[in-house]
């Protein structure tokens, strides 16, 4: 049989080239979006780093170690901005070296990631973890340890939807819990995709603020 018989009759040489270009562009696009986020997705996932925290998705008890983790995750989230310069540089180099489709995908995705972080500087409220997050957690701990406690033995914990007292279920702060760097319990593809898509944000909306009784 001739070499033409092994080719799909509906796929010409020009079509194969187009598919190859689109594939290289898609790979570059995915890598440009993923690579800057890898430190945030991987650095704190080890068991040793999470020995003081309850396993995901259990509520996390409010304590100084949680405040330190919140500040670390904040730094890792902003680390994406300088980290995006690395795939941007490789993308520009690929454009010059001749692999234009891959390089353009790599450059545009990492550039968009960097731009998204820069725009966040104009509205810090859209960042998943802020200094205000640590301050609000500390304020809840201070109230629970003082005379303003919600019950006789307050146990403030950070649940997925809000900060509540584990003892009396009082809503202490309607702040959804962002990604705290704990290893997830779901299966590998879903776990990876959730971390990638969430980009450190909580997967739930904040509850409406209600006054304590």
Protein backbone atom coordinates (compact mmCIF):
# COMPACT_ATOMS: atom_id res chain seq x y z
CA UNK A 1 0.00 0.00 0.00
CA UNK A 2 1.20 3.50 -0.76
CA UNK A 3 1.98 6.04 1.91
CA UNK A 4 -1.17 7.96 1.12
CA UNK A 5 -3.38 5.08 2.24
CA UNK A 6 -2.34 5.52 5.89
CA UNK A 7 -3.54 9.11 5.95
CA UNK A 8 -7.08 9.99 6.83
CA UNK A 9 -8.92 10.78 3.59
CA UNK A 10 -10.62 13.79 5.15
CA UNK A 11 -7.39 15.28 6.50
CA UNK A 12 -5.10 16.97 4.02
CA UNK A 13 -1.52 18.06 4.58
CA UNK A 14 -2.59 21.66 5.16
CA UNK A 15 -5.14 20.57 7.75
CA UNK A 16 -2.53 18.59 9.63
CA UNK A 17 -0.29 21.63 9.78
CA UNK A 18 -3.12 23.75 11.16
CA UNK A 19 -3.89 21.14 13.82
CA UNK A 20 -0.19 20.96 14.76
CA UNK A 21 0.01 24.75 15.10
CA UNK A 22 -3.16 24.87 17.21
CA UNK A 23 -1.87 22.05 19.41
CA UNK A 24 1.45 23.81 20.03
CA UNK A 25 -0.37 27.04 20.81
CA UNK A 26 -2.71 25.25 23.25
CA UNK A 27 0.21 23.58 25.03
CA UNK A 28 2.00 26.90 25.35
CA UNK A 29 -1.19 28.53 26.60
CA UNK A 30 -1.68 25.89 29.28
CA UNK A 31 1.93 25.99 30.44
CA UNK A 32 2.00 29.77 30.50
CA UNK A 33 -1.03 29.78 32.79
CA UNK A 34 0.11 26.87 34.98
CA UNK A 35 3.85 27.34 35.53
CA UNK A 36 3.67 30.62 37.50
CA UNK A 37 1.13 29.02 39.85
CA UNK A 38 3.12 25.87 40.63
CA UNK A 39 4.83 27.23 43.79
CA UNK A 40 1.43 28.17 45.23
CA UNK A 41 0.03 24.76 44.31
CA UNK A 42 2.91 22.62 45.57
CA UNK A 43 5.06 24.31 48.24
CA UNK A 44 2.88 23.67 51.31
CA UNK A 45 1.21 20.38 50.35
CA UNK A 46 3.51 18.03 52.29
CA UNK A 47 2.31 16.19 55.39
CA UNK A 48 5.05 17.68 57.57
CA UNK A 49 4.06 21.24 56.66
CA UNK A 50 0.45 20.50 57.63
CA UNK A 51 0.99 18.47 60.78
CA UNK A 52 -0.59 21.18 62.94
CA UNK A 53 -3.75 21.46 60.82
CA UNK A 54 -6.76 19.21 60.52
CA UNK A 55 -6.91 17.32 57.20
CA UNK A 56 -8.77 18.94 54.34
CA UNK A 57 -11.70 19.68 54.22
CA UNK A 58 -12.18 19.70 58.01
CA UNK A 59 -12.50 23.08 59.78
CA UNK A 60 -9.25 24.70 60.90
CA UNK A 61 -8.90 25.86 64.49
CA UNK A 62 -7.90 29.52 64.85
CA UNK A 63 -4.40 29.77 66.30
CA UNK A 64 -1.10 31.57 65.57
CA UNK A 65 0.02 28.78 63.21
CA UNK A 66 -3.05 29.45 61.06
CA UNK A 67 -2.22 33.15 60.93
CA UNK A 68 1.31 32.29 59.83
CA UNK A 69 -0.05 29.98 57.11
CA UNK A 70 -2.41 32.71 55.88
CA UNK A 71 0.50 35.13 55.52
CA UNK A 72 2.57 32.48 53.73
CA UNK A 73 -0.22 31.74 51.26
CA UNK A 74 -0.55 35.47 50.66
CA UNK A 75 3.14 35.67 49.75
CA UNK A 76 2.87 32.63 47.48
CA UNK A 77 -0.14 34.13 45.71
CA UNK A 78 1.77 37.31 44.94
CA UNK A 79 4.86 35.31 43.97
CA UNK A 80 2.93 34.41 40.82
CA UNK A 81 3.64 37.92 39.49
CA UNK A 82 7.46 37.65 39.31
CA UNK A 83 7.23 33.92 38.51
CA UNK A 84 5.23 34.72 35.37
CA UNK A 85 8.25 36.55 33.96
CA UNK A 86 10.05 33.21 33.48
CA UNK A 87 7.57 31.64 31.00
CA UNK A 88 7.17 35.06 29.39
CA UNK A 89 10.91 35.09 28.68
CA UNK A 90 10.85 31.54 27.31
CA UNK A 91 7.84 32.44 25.20
CA UNK A 92 9.63 35.44 23.72
CA UNK A 93 12.69 33.28 23.05
CA UNK A 94 10.52 30.68 21.30
CA UNK A 95 9.02 33.38 19.11
CA UNK A 96 12.50 34.41 18.03
CA UNK A 97 13.79 30.85 17.59
CA UNK A 98 11.00 29.84 15.22
CA UNK A 99 8.47 27.93 17.36
CA UNK A 100 6.03 30.80 17.07
CA UNK A 101 2.79 29.02 17.99
CA UNK A 102 4.14 27.52 21.22
CA UNK A 103 6.00 30.69 22.14
CA UNK A 104 3.00 32.92 21.51
CA UNK A 105 0.75 30.73 23.66
CA UNK A 106 3.33 30.67 26.44
CA UNK A 107 3.87 34.43 26.25
CA UNK A 108 0.22 35.46 26.10
CA UNK A 109 -0.93 33.22 28.97
CA UNK A 110 1.89 34.18 31.33
CA UNK A 111 1.48 37.83 30.33
CA UNK A 112 -2.22 37.68 31.12
CA UNK A 113 -1.41 36.09 34.48
CA UNK A 114 1.02 38.90 35.30
CA UNK A 115 -1.51 41.50 34.17
CA UNK A 116 -4.18 39.95 36.37
CA UNK A 117 -1.93 40.26 39.42
CA UNK A 118 -1.03 43.86 38.53
CA UNK A 119 -4.71 44.78 38.17
CA UNK A 120 -5.35 43.25 41.58
CA UNK A 121 -3.11 45.96 43.03
CA UNK A 122 -5.79 48.45 41.99
CA UNK A 123 -8.47 46.54 43.91
CA UNK A 124 -6.97 44.42 46.67
CA UNK A 125 -10.42 43.20 47.72
CA UNK A 126 -10.38 40.65 44.89
CA UNK A 127 -7.24 38.94 46.21
CA UNK A 128 -8.08 35.62 47.91
CA UNK A 129 -5.89 36.35 50.96
CA UNK A 130 -5.02 39.81 52.24
CA UNK A 131 -3.46 41.30 55.35
CA UNK A 132 -7.02 42.05 56.39
CA UNK A 133 -7.66 38.30 56.42
CA UNK A 134 -5.04 37.79 59.14
CA UNK A 135 -6.32 40.81 61.05
CA UNK A 136 -9.90 39.53 61.01
CA UNK A 137 -8.81 36.10 62.23
CA UNK A 138 -6.78 37.70 65.02
CA UNK A 139 -9.76 39.86 66.00
CA UNK A 140 -11.92 36.74 66.31
CA UNK A 141 -9.27 35.05 68.48
CA UNK A 142 -8.98 38.12 70.71
CA UNK A 143 -12.76 38.34 71.21
CA UNK A 144 -12.99 34.61 71.95
CA UNK A 145 -10.19 34.81 74.52
CA UNK A 146 -11.69 37.87 76.24
CA UNK A 147 -14.97 38.84 77.83
CA UNK A 148 -16.71 39.13 74.45
CA UNK A 149 -16.68 35.40 73.82
CA UNK A 150 -19.76 33.91 72.21
CA UNK A 151 -20.15 31.22 74.88
CA UNK A 152 -18.53 29.86 78.02
CA UNK A 153 -15.87 27.91 76.12
CA UNK A 154 -15.48 29.42 72.64
CA UNK A 155 -13.82 27.26 69.98
CA UNK A 156 -13.45 29.39 66.85
CA UNK A 157 -12.83 27.36 63.72
CA UNK A 158 -12.59 28.35 60.07
CA UNK A 159 -15.09 26.34 58.08
CA UNK A 160 -15.46 26.43 54.31
CA UNK A 161 -18.22 29.04 54.42
CA UNK A 162 -17.30 31.17 57.44
CA UNK A 163 -15.64 31.37 60.84
CA UNK A 164 -17.88 29.81 63.50
CA UNK A 165 -17.69 28.64 67.05
CA UNK A 166 -17.49 24.85 67.12
CA UNK A 167 -19.17 24.81 70.55
CA UNK A 168 -22.26 26.99 70.04
CA UNK A 169 -22.24 27.40 66.21
CA UNK A 170 -22.27 31.21 66.42
CA UNK A 171 -21.21 32.96 63.24
CA UNK A 172 -18.05 34.87 64.16
CA UNK A 173 -17.01 36.16 60.72
CA UNK A 174 -18.72 35.58 57.34
CA UNK A 175 -15.38 35.04 55.60
CA UNK A 176 -15.09 32.03 53.25
CA UNK A 177 -11.96 29.94 53.69
CA UNK A 178 -9.50 30.25 50.81
CA UNK A 179 -6.91 27.68 49.87
CA UNK A 180 -4.69 27.22 52.92
CA UNK A 181 -2.14 24.95 51.26
CA UNK A 182 -3.39 21.72 52.84
CA UNK A 183 -3.26 18.54 50.73
CA UNK A 184 -6.69 17.82 49.31
CA UNK A 185 -8.43 14.49 49.75
CA UNK A 186 -10.11 14.25 46.33
CA UNK A 187 -8.59 12.22 43.49
CA UNK A 188 -5.59 13.41 41.51
CA UNK A 189 -7.15 14.91 38.35
CA UNK A 190 -9.94 16.67 40.24
CA UNK A 191 -7.55 17.83 42.98
CA UNK A 192 -5.12 19.31 40.48
CA UNK A 193 -7.81 21.02 38.41
CA UNK A 194 -9.50 22.52 41.47
CA UNK A 195 -6.24 24.01 42.71
CA UNK A 196 -5.44 25.32 39.24
CA UNK A 197 -8.85 26.85 38.54
CA UNK A 198 -9.44 28.25 42.04
CA UNK A 199 -6.11 30.17 42.00
CA UNK A 200 -6.16 30.37 45.79
CA UNK A 201 -9.74 31.64 46.02
CA UNK A 202 -12.50 30.12 48.10
CA UNK A 203 -14.88 27.97 46.09
CA UNK A 204 -17.87 29.36 48.00
CA UNK A 205 -19.48 32.79 48.40
CA UNK A 206 -19.50 34.65 51.69
CA UNK A 207 -22.51 34.28 53.94
CA UNK A 208 -24.55 37.39 54.73
CA UNK A 209 -23.49 39.15 57.91
CA UNK A 210 -25.85 38.50 60.79
CA UNK A 211 -25.66 40.08 64.24
CA UNK A 212 -24.66 37.86 67.15
CA UNK A 213 -27.43 37.23 69.59
